[in-house]
């Protein structure tokens, strides 16, 4: 919850954030950076073998590829010429359709589909 609020504050450029929220965000950043990105070959394997991926729209599949490369939301948005808000919406839809709650769960579940 704190991370969501902090993300919203960042989106609106509000920087007066309690130190506790910053500490939690920094801790989360370290965790997300320890997720090892999949290679292009691994991503192709996951995309082919994970049946639920077929329920995603073409754009959601593009975003999923970037997520599996462990790209940050801003980088994905800039690459696809959309806003970060749009990427957040696509990411939420991906998590829902693939029955995961966050990036860590997505990576754990994706590992099951490596061939």
N, C-alpha and C. Protein backbone atom coordinates (compact mmCIF):
# COMPACT_ATOMS: atom_id res chain seq x y z
N UNK A 1 0.82 -1.18 0.00
CA UNK A 1 0.00 0.00 0.00
C UNK A 1 0.88 1.26 0.00
N UNK A 2 1.90 1.25 0.83
CA UNK A 2 2.80 2.40 0.90
C UNK A 2 3.50 2.60 -0.43
N UNK A 3 3.89 1.48 -1.08
CA UNK A 3 4.57 1.59 -2.37
C UNK A 3 3.65 2.19 -3.42
N UNK A 4 2.39 1.82 -3.40
CA UNK A 4 1.43 2.37 -4.34
C UNK A 4 1.28 3.87 -4.13
N UNK A 5 1.13 4.27 -2.88
CA UNK A 5 1.01 5.70 -2.58
C UNK A 5 2.27 6.46 -2.98
N UNK A 6 3.43 5.88 -2.70
CA UNK A 6 4.68 6.52 -3.06
C UNK A 6 4.80 6.67 -4.58
N UNK A 7 4.37 5.63 -5.31
CA UNK A 7 4.39 5.67 -6.76
C UNK A 7 3.50 6.80 -7.29
N UNK A 8 2.33 6.94 -6.69
CA UNK A 8 1.42 8.01 -7.09
C UNK A 8 2.04 9.37 -6.81
N UNK A 9 2.66 9.50 -5.64
CA UNK A 9 3.32 10.77 -5.29
C UNK A 9 4.42 11.10 -6.30
N UNK A 10 5.19 10.08 -6.70
CA UNK A 10 6.25 10.30 -7.68
C UNK A 10 5.67 10.73 -9.02
N UNK A 11 4.56 10.09 -9.43
CA UNK A 11 3.94 10.44 -10.70
C UNK A 11 3.53 11.90 -10.74
N UNK A 12 3.10 12.44 -9.61
CA UNK A 12 2.67 13.83 -9.56
C UNK A 12 3.78 14.79 -9.13
N UNK A 13 4.98 14.26 -8.93
CA UNK A 13 6.12 15.10 -8.62
C UNK A 13 6.13 15.64 -7.19
N UNK A 14 5.38 14.98 -6.32
CA UNK A 14 5.35 15.39 -4.92
C UNK A 14 6.50 14.68 -4.21
N UNK A 15 7.41 15.46 -3.63
CA UNK A 15 8.61 14.86 -3.07
C UNK A 15 8.65 14.84 -1.55
N UNK A 16 7.74 15.53 -0.88
CA UNK A 16 7.72 15.49 0.58
C UNK A 16 7.10 14.18 1.03
N UNK A 17 7.94 13.18 1.15
CA UNK A 17 7.49 11.84 1.51
C UNK A 17 8.11 11.45 2.84
N UNK A 18 7.34 10.81 3.73
CA UNK A 18 7.91 10.37 4.99
C UNK A 18 9.11 9.45 4.76
N UNK A 19 10.09 9.54 5.65
CA UNK A 19 11.30 8.73 5.51
C UNK A 19 10.98 7.24 5.51
N UNK A 20 9.94 6.83 6.24
CA UNK A 20 9.56 5.42 6.29
C UNK A 20 9.17 4.92 4.89
N UNK A 21 8.43 5.73 4.15
CA UNK A 21 8.00 5.35 2.80
C UNK A 21 9.20 5.23 1.87
N UNK A 22 10.15 6.15 2.00
CA UNK A 22 11.35 6.10 1.18
C UNK A 22 12.15 4.85 1.50
N UNK A 23 12.28 4.51 2.77
CA UNK A 23 13.02 3.32 3.17
C UNK A 23 12.38 2.07 2.59
N UNK A 24 11.05 1.99 2.64
CA UNK A 24 10.35 0.83 2.09
C UNK A 24 10.56 0.76 0.59
N UNK A 25 10.49 1.90 -0.09
CA UNK A 25 10.68 1.93 -1.54
C UNK A 25 12.09 1.50 -1.91
N UNK A 26 13.09 1.99 -1.18
CA UNK A 26 14.46 1.59 -1.46
C UNK A 26 14.65 0.10 -1.27
N UNK A 27 14.02 -0.43 -0.25
CA UNK A 27 14.11 -1.86 0.01
C UNK A 27 13.47 -2.63 -1.15
N UNK A 28 12.33 -2.15 -1.63
CA UNK A 28 11.65 -2.79 -2.74
C UNK A 28 12.50 -2.73 -4.00
N UNK A 29 13.16 -1.61 -4.24
CA UNK A 29 14.00 -1.46 -5.42
C UNK A 29 15.13 -2.48 -5.40
N UNK A 30 15.74 -2.68 -4.26
CA UNK A 30 16.80 -3.67 -4.16
C UNK A 30 16.28 -5.05 -4.51
N UNK A 31 15.10 -5.38 -4.03
CA UNK A 31 14.51 -6.68 -4.30
C UNK A 31 14.25 -6.85 -5.79
N UNK A 32 13.66 -5.84 -6.43
CA UNK A 32 13.33 -5.96 -7.84
C UNK A 32 14.59 -6.06 -8.71
N UNK A 33 15.68 -5.46 -8.26
CA UNK A 33 16.91 -5.53 -9.04
C UNK A 33 17.59 -6.89 -8.91
N UNK A 34 17.24 -7.67 -7.90
CA UNK A 34 17.86 -8.98 -7.74
C UNK A 34 17.16 -10.02 -8.61
N UNK A 35 16.04 -9.68 -9.20
CA UNK A 35 15.37 -10.59 -10.13
C UNK A 35 16.22 -10.67 -11.38
N UNK A 36 16.57 -11.89 -11.76
CA UNK A 36 17.43 -12.07 -12.92
C UNK A 36 16.57 -12.10 -14.19
N UNK A 37 16.89 -11.23 -15.12
CA UNK A 37 16.16 -11.14 -16.38
C UNK A 37 16.35 -12.42 -17.19
N UNK A 38 15.32 -12.77 -17.94
CA UNK A 38 15.40 -13.92 -18.84
C UNK A 38 16.08 -13.49 -20.13
N UNK A 39 16.72 -14.41 -20.80
CA UNK A 39 17.32 -14.13 -22.10
C UNK A 39 16.23 -14.15 -23.17
N UNK A 40 16.54 -13.66 -24.34
CA UNK A 40 15.59 -13.66 -25.44
C UNK A 40 15.09 -15.06 -25.77
N UNK A 41 16.00 -16.02 -25.77
CA UNK A 41 15.64 -17.41 -26.05
C UNK A 41 14.72 -17.97 -24.97
N UNK A 42 15.02 -17.66 -23.72
CA UNK A 42 14.18 -18.12 -22.62
C UNK A 42 12.78 -17.49 -22.71
N UNK A 43 12.72 -16.22 -23.06
CA UNK A 43 11.44 -15.53 -23.18
C UNK A 43 10.60 -16.18 -24.27
N UNK A 44 11.21 -16.49 -25.40
CA UNK A 44 10.48 -17.15 -26.49
C UNK A 44 9.93 -18.49 -26.02
N UNK A 45 10.72 -19.24 -25.28
CA UNK A 45 10.29 -20.53 -24.75
C UNK A 45 9.09 -20.36 -23.81
N UNK A 46 9.18 -19.39 -22.93
CA UNK A 46 8.10 -19.11 -21.97
C UNK A 46 6.84 -18.72 -22.72
N UNK A 47 6.97 -17.83 -23.70
CA UNK A 47 5.82 -17.33 -24.44
C UNK A 47 5.11 -18.46 -25.19
N UNK A 48 5.87 -19.43 -25.69
CA UNK A 48 5.29 -20.55 -26.44
C UNK A 48 4.66 -21.60 -25.53
N UNK A 49 5.29 -21.87 -24.40
CA UNK A 49 4.82 -22.97 -23.56
C UNK A 49 3.80 -22.57 -22.50
N UNK A 50 3.71 -21.30 -22.15
CA UNK A 50 2.77 -20.84 -21.12
C UNK A 50 1.44 -20.54 -21.80
N UNK A 51 0.51 -21.46 -21.70
CA UNK A 51 -0.77 -21.36 -22.39
C UNK A 51 -1.54 -20.09 -22.09
N UNK A 52 -1.47 -19.62 -20.86
CA UNK A 52 -2.22 -18.42 -20.45
C UNK A 52 -1.77 -17.18 -21.21
N UNK A 53 -0.58 -17.20 -21.77
CA UNK A 53 -0.08 -16.05 -22.53
C UNK A 53 -0.98 -15.78 -23.73
N UNK A 54 -1.63 -16.83 -24.25
CA UNK A 54 -2.53 -16.66 -25.40
C UNK A 54 -3.74 -15.78 -25.07
N UNK A 55 -4.05 -15.61 -23.79
CA UNK A 55 -5.19 -14.76 -23.41
C UNK A 55 -4.83 -13.27 -23.42
N UNK A 56 -3.55 -12.97 -23.55
CA UNK A 56 -3.10 -11.58 -23.55
C UNK A 56 -3.29 -10.94 -24.91
N UNK A 57 -3.54 -9.64 -24.90
CA UNK A 57 -3.60 -8.88 -26.16
C UNK A 57 -2.18 -8.78 -26.72
N UNK A 58 -2.09 -8.36 -27.97
CA UNK A 58 -0.77 -8.21 -28.60
C UNK A 58 0.10 -7.23 -27.82
N UNK A 59 -0.48 -6.11 -27.39
CA UNK A 59 0.27 -5.10 -26.63
C UNK A 59 0.70 -5.66 -25.27
N UNK A 60 -0.19 -6.41 -24.62
CA UNK A 60 0.17 -7.01 -23.33
C UNK A 60 1.32 -8.00 -23.50
N UNK A 61 1.34 -8.71 -24.61
CA UNK A 61 2.46 -9.62 -24.88
C UNK A 61 3.77 -8.84 -25.03
N UNK A 62 3.70 -7.69 -25.70
CA UNK A 62 4.89 -6.85 -25.83
C UNK A 62 5.39 -6.41 -24.46
N UNK A 63 4.46 -5.96 -23.63
CA UNK A 63 4.82 -5.50 -22.28
C UNK A 63 5.37 -6.67 -21.47
N UNK A 64 4.76 -7.84 -21.60
CA UNK A 64 5.25 -9.03 -20.88
C UNK A 64 6.69 -9.32 -21.24
N UNK A 65 7.03 -9.22 -22.51
CA UNK A 65 8.42 -9.46 -22.93
C UNK A 65 9.38 -8.50 -22.21
N UNK A 66 8.99 -7.24 -22.13
CA UNK A 66 9.83 -6.26 -21.43
C UNK A 66 9.91 -6.59 -19.93
N UNK A 67 8.80 -7.01 -19.35
CA UNK A 67 8.80 -7.38 -17.93
C UNK A 67 9.75 -8.54 -17.69
N UNK A 68 9.71 -9.54 -18.58
CA UNK A 68 10.58 -10.71 -18.43
C UNK A 68 12.05 -10.35 -18.66
N UNK A 69 12.30 -9.24 -19.36
CA UNK A 69 13.66 -8.72 -19.50
C UNK A 69 14.04 -7.89 -18.28
N UNK A 70 13.10 -7.76 -17.35
CA UNK A 70 13.25 -6.99 -16.11
C UNK A 70 13.48 -5.50 -16.38
N UNK A 71 12.80 -4.99 -17.39
CA UNK A 71 12.88 -3.56 -17.70
C UNK A 71 11.99 -2.77 -16.75
N UNK A 72 12.40 -1.59 -16.42
CA UNK A 72 11.61 -0.70 -15.56
C UNK A 72 10.43 -0.14 -16.34
N UNK A 73 9.38 0.22 -15.59
CA UNK A 73 8.15 0.73 -16.19
C UNK A 73 8.41 1.94 -17.09
N UNK A 74 9.25 2.86 -16.66
CA UNK A 74 9.55 4.06 -17.44
C UNK A 74 10.22 3.70 -18.76
N UNK A 75 11.14 2.76 -18.73
CA UNK A 75 11.84 2.34 -19.94
C UNK A 75 10.84 1.70 -20.93
N UNK A 76 9.95 0.87 -20.40
CA UNK A 76 8.94 0.23 -21.25
C UNK A 76 8.06 1.31 -21.89
N UNK A 77 7.60 2.25 -21.08
CA UNK A 77 6.73 3.32 -21.59
C UNK A 77 7.44 4.13 -22.67
N UNK A 78 8.67 4.50 -22.43
CA UNK A 78 9.42 5.29 -23.41
C UNK A 78 9.63 4.51 -24.71
N UNK A 79 9.93 3.24 -24.59
CA UNK A 79 10.18 2.40 -25.77
C UNK A 79 8.91 2.23 -26.61
N UNK A 80 7.76 2.09 -25.94
CA UNK A 80 6.50 1.87 -26.64
C UNK A 80 5.75 3.17 -26.94
N UNK A 81 6.34 4.31 -26.56
CA UNK A 81 5.75 5.64 -26.81
C UNK A 81 4.37 5.78 -26.17
N UNK A 82 4.27 5.33 -24.92
CA UNK A 82 3.04 5.48 -24.14
C UNK A 82 3.41 6.02 -22.76
N UNK A 83 2.42 6.30 -21.94
CA UNK A 83 2.69 6.80 -20.59
C UNK A 83 2.95 5.65 -19.63
N UNK A 84 3.57 5.97 -18.51
CA UNK A 84 3.78 4.97 -17.47
C UNK A 84 2.44 4.45 -16.95
N UNK A 85 1.45 5.32 -16.92
CA UNK A 85 0.11 4.92 -16.47
C UNK A 85 -0.45 3.81 -17.37
N UNK A 86 -0.23 3.93 -18.66
CA UNK A 86 -0.68 2.90 -19.60
C UNK A 86 0.03 1.58 -19.31
N UNK A 87 1.32 1.65 -19.03
CA UNK A 87 2.09 0.45 -18.72
C UNK A 87 1.58 -0.18 -17.42
N UNK A 88 1.23 0.66 -16.44
CA UNK A 88 0.67 0.15 -15.19
C UNK A 88 -0.61 -0.63 -15.46
N UNK A 89 -1.46 -0.11 -16.34
CA UNK A 89 -2.72 -0.78 -16.68
C UNK A 89 -2.46 -2.10 -17.38
N UNK A 90 -1.53 -2.10 -18.34
CA UNK A 90 -1.19 -3.35 -19.03
C UNK A 90 -0.61 -4.37 -18.05
N UNK A 91 0.26 -3.90 -17.16
CA UNK A 91 0.88 -4.79 -16.20
C UNK A 91 -0.16 -5.40 -15.28
N UNK A 92 -1.10 -4.61 -14.81
CA UNK A 92 -2.18 -5.12 -13.95
C UNK A 92 -2.98 -6.19 -14.69
N UNK A 93 -3.28 -5.95 -15.96
CA UNK A 93 -4.03 -6.92 -16.75
C UNK A 93 -3.22 -8.21 -16.94
N UNK A 94 -1.92 -8.07 -17.17
CA UNK A 94 -1.04 -9.23 -17.32
C UNK A 94 -1.04 -10.06 -16.04
N UNK A 95 -0.84 -9.40 -14.91
CA UNK A 95 -0.82 -10.11 -13.63
C UNK A 95 -2.13 -10.85 -13.40
N UNK A 96 -3.24 -10.18 -13.71
CA UNK A 96 -4.56 -10.80 -13.50
C UNK A 96 -4.73 -12.02 -14.40
N UNK A 97 -4.43 -11.86 -15.67
CA UNK A 97 -4.63 -12.95 -16.63
C UNK A 97 -3.68 -14.13 -16.40
N UNK A 98 -2.48 -13.84 -15.91
CA UNK A 98 -1.50 -14.90 -15.65
C UNK A 98 -1.53 -15.38 -14.20
N UNK A 99 -2.51 -14.87 -13.45
CA UNK A 99 -2.75 -15.26 -12.06
C UNK A 99 -1.51 -15.09 -11.19
N UNK A 100 -0.93 -13.89 -11.29
CA UNK A 100 0.19 -13.50 -10.43
C UNK A 100 -0.17 -12.16 -9.81
N UNK A 101 0.54 -11.80 -8.74
CA UNK A 101 0.22 -10.56 -8.04
C UNK A 101 1.27 -9.47 -8.26
N UNK A 102 2.47 -9.87 -8.65
CA UNK A 102 3.55 -8.90 -8.81
C UNK A 102 4.65 -9.48 -9.70
N UNK A 103 5.68 -8.70 -9.91
CA UNK A 103 6.77 -9.12 -10.80
C UNK A 103 7.50 -10.35 -10.27
N UNK A 104 7.70 -10.40 -8.97
CA UNK A 104 8.39 -11.56 -8.39
C UNK A 104 7.62 -12.84 -8.66
N UNK A 105 6.31 -12.81 -8.43
CA UNK A 105 5.48 -13.99 -8.70
C UNK A 105 5.48 -14.32 -10.19
N UNK A 106 5.47 -13.29 -11.02
CA UNK A 106 5.49 -13.50 -12.47
C UNK A 106 6.76 -14.27 -12.86
N UNK A 107 7.89 -13.86 -12.33
CA UNK A 107 9.16 -14.51 -12.65
C UNK A 107 9.20 -15.94 -12.12
N UNK A 108 8.69 -16.15 -10.91
CA UNK A 108 8.67 -17.50 -10.35
C UNK A 108 7.80 -18.43 -11.20
N UNK A 109 6.64 -17.94 -11.60
CA UNK A 109 5.74 -18.76 -12.41
C UNK A 109 6.31 -18.97 -13.80
N UNK A 110 6.94 -17.95 -14.36
CA UNK A 110 7.54 -18.06 -15.71
C UNK A 110 8.62 -19.14 -15.73
N UNK A 111 9.37 -19.28 -14.66
CA UNK A 111 10.43 -20.29 -14.59
C UNK A 111 9.88 -21.69 -14.80
N UNK A 112 8.61 -21.90 -14.41
CA UNK A 112 7.99 -23.21 -14.57
C UNK A 112 7.78 -23.57 -16.04
N UNK A 113 7.80 -22.57 -16.92
CA UNK A 113 7.52 -22.79 -18.33
C UNK A 113 8.77 -22.76 -19.21
N UNK A 114 9.92 -22.75 -18.60
CA UNK A 114 11.16 -22.85 -19.38
C UNK A 114 11.34 -24.27 -19.85
N UNK A 115 11.69 -24.44 -21.12
CA UNK A 115 11.87 -25.79 -21.65
C UNK A 115 13.31 -26.02 -22.01
